[in-house]
Amino acid sequence: MILKIVEKLPKTVIGIHFARQLVKSGTSPAFHHAEAQSAESRKDFIHKLKIGVKELRETLVNLEIMNQIKVLDSSEFRDPLRENDELISIFVSSINTAKKNLKKE
């Protein structure tokens, strides 16, 4: 969804700025999640997911700002905003579970 939004952004200074930011922050959580799956330790797993959460929050702010300034129709942002919130919840839940398991070790 993020990449589809980026493709729809206008080729203006604002559109190009947000496109560059969004490509980076909007795709990196998937990479951090993949890295976490191969983590060398539980602490490493937690660290990689925390970076993913930071990127998801950056993406959230990007989407909210673009929605507020009406760079695209509001309907374009509805599903990506919802999915981004869900991903933040999933990542945070995974981090909390890993922290609890770390304390048990």
N, C-alpha and C. Protein backbone atom coordinates (compact mmCIF):
# COMPACT_ATOMS: atom_id res chain seq x y z
N MET A 1 0.81 -1.19 0.00
CA MET A 1 0.00 0.00 0.00
C MET A 1 0.86 1.26 0.00
N ILE A 2 1.92 1.24 0.77
CA ILE A 2 2.79 2.41 0.86
C ILE A 2 3.37 2.75 -0.51
N LEU A 3 3.86 1.76 -1.20
CA LEU A 3 4.47 2.01 -2.50
C LEU A 3 3.44 2.50 -3.51
N LYS A 4 2.21 2.04 -3.40
CA LYS A 4 1.15 2.53 -4.29
C LYS A 4 0.84 4.00 -4.01
N ILE A 5 0.85 4.38 -2.74
CA ILE A 5 0.65 5.79 -2.40
C ILE A 5 1.77 6.63 -2.98
N VAL A 6 3.00 6.16 -2.81
CA VAL A 6 4.16 6.91 -3.31
C VAL A 6 4.03 7.15 -4.81
N GLU A 7 3.58 6.16 -5.54
CA GLU A 7 3.42 6.30 -6.99
C GLU A 7 2.36 7.34 -7.35
N LYS A 8 1.39 7.54 -6.49
CA LYS A 8 0.30 8.49 -6.75
C LYS A 8 0.63 9.92 -6.35
N LEU A 9 1.68 10.10 -5.56
CA LEU A 9 2.00 11.44 -5.07
C LEU A 9 2.37 12.36 -6.23
N PRO A 10 1.99 13.63 -6.13
CA PRO A 10 2.32 14.58 -7.20
C PRO A 10 3.83 14.79 -7.27
N LYS A 11 4.29 15.12 -8.45
CA LYS A 11 5.72 15.36 -8.67
C LYS A 11 6.06 16.82 -8.36
N THR A 12 5.63 17.24 -7.16
CA THR A 12 5.92 18.59 -6.66
C THR A 12 7.01 18.47 -5.60
N VAL A 13 7.49 19.59 -5.12
CA VAL A 13 8.51 19.56 -4.06
C VAL A 13 7.98 18.79 -2.85
N ILE A 14 6.75 19.07 -2.46
CA ILE A 14 6.15 18.38 -1.31
C ILE A 14 5.97 16.89 -1.61
N GLY A 15 5.42 16.57 -2.75
CA GLY A 15 5.18 15.17 -3.11
C GLY A 15 6.47 14.37 -3.16
N ILE A 16 7.50 14.95 -3.75
CA ILE A 16 8.80 14.26 -3.85
C ILE A 16 9.41 14.07 -2.47
N HIS A 17 9.33 15.10 -1.63
CA HIS A 17 9.88 14.99 -0.27
C HIS A 17 9.20 13.85 0.50
N PHE A 18 7.87 13.85 0.49
CA PHE A 18 7.15 12.81 1.22
C PHE A 18 7.35 11.43 0.59
N ALA A 19 7.46 11.38 -0.71
CA ALA A 19 7.69 10.09 -1.38
C ALA A 19 9.00 9.47 -0.91
N ARG A 20 10.05 10.27 -0.87
CA ARG A 20 11.36 9.75 -0.43
C ARG A 20 11.31 9.27 1.02
N GLN A 21 10.70 10.08 1.87
CA GLN A 21 10.59 9.70 3.28
C GLN A 21 9.77 8.43 3.46
N LEU A 22 8.64 8.38 2.74
CA LEU A 22 7.71 7.28 2.90
C LEU A 22 8.26 5.96 2.36
N VAL A 23 9.00 6.02 1.27
CA VAL A 23 9.60 4.79 0.74
C VAL A 23 10.53 4.18 1.78
N LYS A 24 11.31 5.01 2.44
CA LYS A 24 12.26 4.51 3.44
C LYS A 24 11.56 4.00 4.69
N SER A 25 10.75 4.87 5.31
CA SER A 25 10.13 4.47 6.58
C SER A 25 9.02 3.45 6.39
N GLY A 26 8.36 3.48 5.26
CA GLY A 26 7.23 2.59 5.03
C GLY A 26 7.57 1.18 4.63
N THR A 27 8.79 0.99 4.14
CA THR A 27 9.20 -0.36 3.74
C THR A 27 10.17 -1.00 4.73
N SER A 28 10.89 -0.19 5.48
CA SER A 28 11.91 -0.76 6.38
C SER A 28 11.36 -1.64 7.50
N PRO A 29 10.15 -1.44 8.02
CA PRO A 29 9.67 -2.36 9.07
C PRO A 29 9.64 -3.82 8.62
N ALA A 30 9.33 -4.05 7.37
CA ALA A 30 9.34 -5.43 6.86
C ALA A 30 10.75 -6.00 6.91
N PHE A 31 11.73 -5.18 6.59
CA PHE A 31 13.12 -5.64 6.63
C PHE A 31 13.59 -5.88 8.06
N HIS A 32 13.18 -4.99 8.98
CA HIS A 32 13.55 -5.18 10.38
C HIS A 32 12.89 -6.42 10.97
N HIS A 33 11.66 -6.67 10.56
CA HIS A 33 10.98 -7.89 11.02
C HIS A 33 11.71 -9.13 10.52
N ALA A 34 12.13 -9.09 9.26
CA ALA A 34 12.88 -10.22 8.70
C ALA A 34 14.20 -10.41 9.43
N GLU A 35 14.88 -9.32 9.74
CA GLU A 35 16.13 -9.41 10.50
C GLU A 35 15.88 -9.97 11.90
N ALA A 36 14.78 -9.57 12.51
CA ALA A 36 14.45 -10.06 13.86
C ALA A 36 14.25 -11.57 13.85
N GLN A 37 13.73 -12.10 12.77
CA GLN A 37 13.51 -13.55 12.68
C GLN A 37 14.84 -14.32 12.71
N SER A 38 15.92 -13.64 12.35
CA SER A 38 17.25 -14.27 12.38
C SER A 38 18.13 -13.68 13.48
N ALA A 39 17.51 -13.10 14.48
CA ALA A 39 18.25 -12.46 15.55
C ALA A 39 19.18 -13.44 16.24
N GLU A 40 20.30 -12.92 16.71
CA GLU A 40 21.30 -13.75 17.37
C GLU A 40 20.99 -13.99 18.83
N SER A 41 20.09 -13.19 19.38
CA SER A 41 19.69 -13.36 20.77
C SER A 41 18.31 -12.71 20.95
N ARG A 42 17.73 -12.94 22.11
CA ARG A 42 16.43 -12.31 22.40
C ARG A 42 16.58 -10.79 22.46
N LYS A 43 17.69 -10.31 23.01
CA LYS A 43 17.94 -8.87 23.06
C LYS A 43 18.07 -8.28 21.66
N ASP A 44 18.74 -9.00 20.78
CA ASP A 44 18.88 -8.57 19.40
C ASP A 44 17.51 -8.53 18.71
N PHE A 45 16.68 -9.53 18.98
CA PHE A 45 15.32 -9.60 18.44
C PHE A 45 14.53 -8.36 18.87
N ILE A 46 14.60 -8.05 20.15
CA ILE A 46 13.88 -6.89 20.70
C ILE A 46 14.38 -5.60 20.05
N HIS A 47 15.70 -5.48 19.93
CA HIS A 47 16.29 -4.28 19.34
C HIS A 47 15.82 -4.08 17.90
N LYS A 48 15.84 -5.13 17.11
CA LYS A 48 15.43 -5.01 15.71
C LYS A 48 13.95 -4.64 15.59
N LEU A 49 13.11 -5.22 16.43
CA LEU A 49 11.69 -4.86 16.39
C LEU A 49 11.46 -3.43 16.86
N LYS A 50 12.25 -2.97 17.83
CA LYS A 50 12.10 -1.59 18.29
C LYS A 50 12.43 -0.60 17.17
N ILE A 51 13.42 -0.91 16.38
CA ILE A 51 13.74 -0.06 15.23
C ILE A 51 12.57 -0.07 14.24
N GLY A 52 11.97 -1.23 14.06
CA GLY A 52 10.80 -1.32 13.19
C GLY A 52 9.65 -0.46 13.68
N VAL A 53 9.44 -0.42 15.00
CA VAL A 53 8.38 0.41 15.58
C VAL A 53 8.67 1.89 15.32
N LYS A 54 9.92 2.29 15.46
CA LYS A 54 10.28 3.69 15.18
C LYS A 54 9.94 4.05 13.74
N GLU A 55 10.25 3.16 12.83
CA GLU A 55 9.97 3.40 11.41
C GLU A 55 8.46 3.44 11.16
N LEU A 56 7.72 2.57 11.83
CA LEU A 56 6.26 2.58 11.68
C LEU A 56 5.67 3.88 12.21
N ARG A 57 6.20 4.38 13.30
CA ARG A 57 5.70 5.65 13.84
C ARG A 57 6.05 6.82 12.92
N GLU A 58 7.22 6.77 12.31
CA GLU A 58 7.58 7.80 11.33
C GLU A 58 6.63 7.73 10.13
N THR A 59 6.32 6.53 9.70
CA THR A 59 5.39 6.36 8.60
C THR A 59 4.01 6.91 8.96
N LEU A 60 3.59 6.64 10.18
CA LEU A 60 2.30 7.14 10.66
C LEU A 60 2.23 8.67 10.57
N VAL A 61 3.27 9.32 11.04
CA VAL A 61 3.31 10.78 10.99
C VAL A 61 3.30 11.27 9.55
N ASN A 62 4.07 10.63 8.67
CA ASN A 62 4.09 11.01 7.26
C ASN A 62 2.69 10.91 6.66
N LEU A 63 2.02 9.80 6.90
CA LEU A 63 0.68 9.60 6.35
C LEU A 63 -0.30 10.62 6.90
N GLU A 64 -0.22 10.88 8.21
CA GLU A 64 -1.13 11.84 8.83
C GLU A 64 -0.93 13.25 8.27
N ILE A 65 0.32 13.65 8.11
CA ILE A 65 0.60 14.99 7.57
C ILE A 65 0.08 15.09 6.14
N MET A 66 0.38 14.09 5.32
CA MET A 66 -0.09 14.13 3.94
C MET A 66 -1.61 14.15 3.87
N ASN A 67 -2.25 13.42 4.75
CA ASN A 67 -3.71 13.42 4.81
C ASN A 67 -4.22 14.81 5.19
N GLN A 68 -3.58 15.44 6.17
CA GLN A 68 -4.01 16.76 6.63
C GLN A 68 -3.83 17.83 5.57
N ILE A 69 -2.75 17.76 4.81
CA ILE A 69 -2.51 18.80 3.79
C ILE A 69 -3.18 18.46 2.47
N LYS A 70 -3.90 17.35 2.45
CA LYS A 70 -4.70 16.95 1.29
C LYS A 70 -3.86 16.76 0.02
N VAL A 71 -2.70 16.12 0.19
CA VAL A 71 -1.86 15.86 -0.97
C VAL A 71 -2.52 14.82 -1.90
N LEU A 72 -3.35 13.97 -1.33
CA LEU A 72 -4.20 13.02 -2.05
C LEU A 72 -5.56 13.00 -1.37
N ASP A 73 -6.52 12.36 -1.98
CA ASP A 73 -7.84 12.21 -1.38
C ASP A 73 -7.71 11.43 -0.07
N SER A 74 -8.48 11.82 0.93
CA SER A 74 -8.43 11.18 2.25
C SER A 74 -8.65 9.67 2.20
N SER A 75 -9.44 9.22 1.25
CA SER A 75 -9.71 7.78 1.14
C SER A 75 -8.45 6.97 0.84
N GLU A 76 -7.46 7.61 0.25
CA GLU A 76 -6.19 6.93 -0.07
C GLU A 76 -5.43 6.54 1.20
N PHE A 77 -5.68 7.25 2.29
CA PHE A 77 -4.91 7.05 3.52
C PHE A 77 -5.62 6.16 4.54
N ARG A 78 -6.89 5.92 4.35
CA ARG A 78 -7.67 5.18 5.35
C ARG A 78 -7.06 3.81 5.66
N ASP A 79 -6.92 2.96 4.66
CA ASP A 79 -6.40 1.61 4.88
C ASP A 79 -4.93 1.60 5.33
N PRO A 80 -4.07 2.39 4.69
CA PRO A 80 -2.67 2.42 5.16
C PRO A 80 -2.53 2.88 6.61
N LEU A 81 -3.32 3.86 7.03
CA LEU A 81 -3.26 4.32 8.42
C LEU A 81 -3.71 3.22 9.37
N ARG A 82 -4.78 2.53 9.00
CA ARG A 82 -5.29 1.44 9.84
C ARG A 82 -4.26 0.31 9.93
N GLU A 83 -3.72 -0.08 8.79
CA GLU A 83 -2.74 -1.17 8.80
C GLU A 83 -1.48 -0.78 9.57
N ASN A 84 -1.06 0.46 9.43
CA ASN A 84 0.12 0.92 10.16
C ASN A 84 -0.11 0.83 11.66
N ASP A 85 -1.30 1.24 12.12
CA ASP A 85 -1.64 1.12 13.54
C ASP A 85 -1.60 -0.34 13.99
N GLU A 86 -2.15 -1.22 13.16
CA GLU A 86 -2.16 -2.64 13.50
C GLU A 86 -0.74 -3.20 13.59
N LEU A 87 0.11 -2.78 12.67
CA LEU A 87 1.50 -3.26 12.70
C LEU A 87 2.24 -2.75 13.94
N ILE A 88 2.00 -1.51 14.31
CA ILE A 88 2.61 -1.00 15.54
C ILE A 88 2.18 -1.87 16.72
N SER A 89 0.90 -2.18 16.80
CA SER A 89 0.39 -3.02 17.90
C SER A 89 1.04 -4.39 17.90
N ILE A 90 1.18 -4.98 16.73
CA ILE A 90 1.79 -6.31 16.61
C ILE A 90 3.25 -6.26 17.05
N PHE A 91 4.00 -5.28 16.55
CA PHE A 91 5.41 -5.17 16.91
C PHE A 91 5.56 -4.95 18.41
N VAL A 92 4.78 -4.03 18.98
CA VAL A 92 4.88 -3.73 20.41
C VAL A 92 4.52 -4.96 21.24
N SER A 93 3.50 -5.68 20.84
CA SER A 93 3.12 -6.90 21.55
C SER A 93 4.24 -7.94 21.50
N SER A 94 4.87 -8.08 20.34
CA SER A 94 5.99 -9.02 20.21
C SER A 94 7.16 -8.60 21.09
N ILE A 95 7.43 -7.31 21.14
CA ILE A 95 8.51 -6.80 21.98
C ILE A 95 8.21 -7.10 23.44
N ASN A 96 7.00 -6.82 23.87
CA ASN A 96 6.62 -7.05 25.28
C ASN A 96 6.71 -8.53 25.65
N THR A 97 6.28 -9.40 24.75
CA THR A 97 6.37 -10.85 25.00
C THR A 97 7.83 -11.27 25.10
N ALA A 98 8.65 -10.77 24.19
CA ALA A 98 10.09 -11.11 24.21
C ALA A 98 10.75 -10.61 25.48
N LYS A 99 10.36 -9.44 25.95
CA LYS A 99 10.92 -8.91 27.20
C LYS A 99 10.54 -9.79 28.38
N LYS A 100 9.28 -10.23 28.42
CA LYS A 100 8.85 -11.12 29.50
C LYS A 100 9.61 -12.43 29.47
N ASN A 101 9.81 -12.98 28.28
CA ASN A 101 10.56 -14.23 28.13
C ASN A 101 12.02 -14.04 28.50
N LEU A 102 12.57 -12.87 28.23
CA LEU A 102 13.95 -12.56 28.58
C LEU A 102 14.14 -12.56 30.09
N LYS A 103 13.16 -12.04 30.80
CA LYS A 103 13.22 -12.01 32.27
C LYS A 103 13.16 -13.40 32.86
N LYS A 104 12.47 -14.31 32.16
CA LYS A 104 12.34 -15.70 32.65
C LYS A 104 13.63 -16.48 32.50
N GLU A 105 14.48 -16.03 31.57
CA GLU A 105 15.73 -16.79 31.30
C GLU A 105 16.71 -16.71 32.44
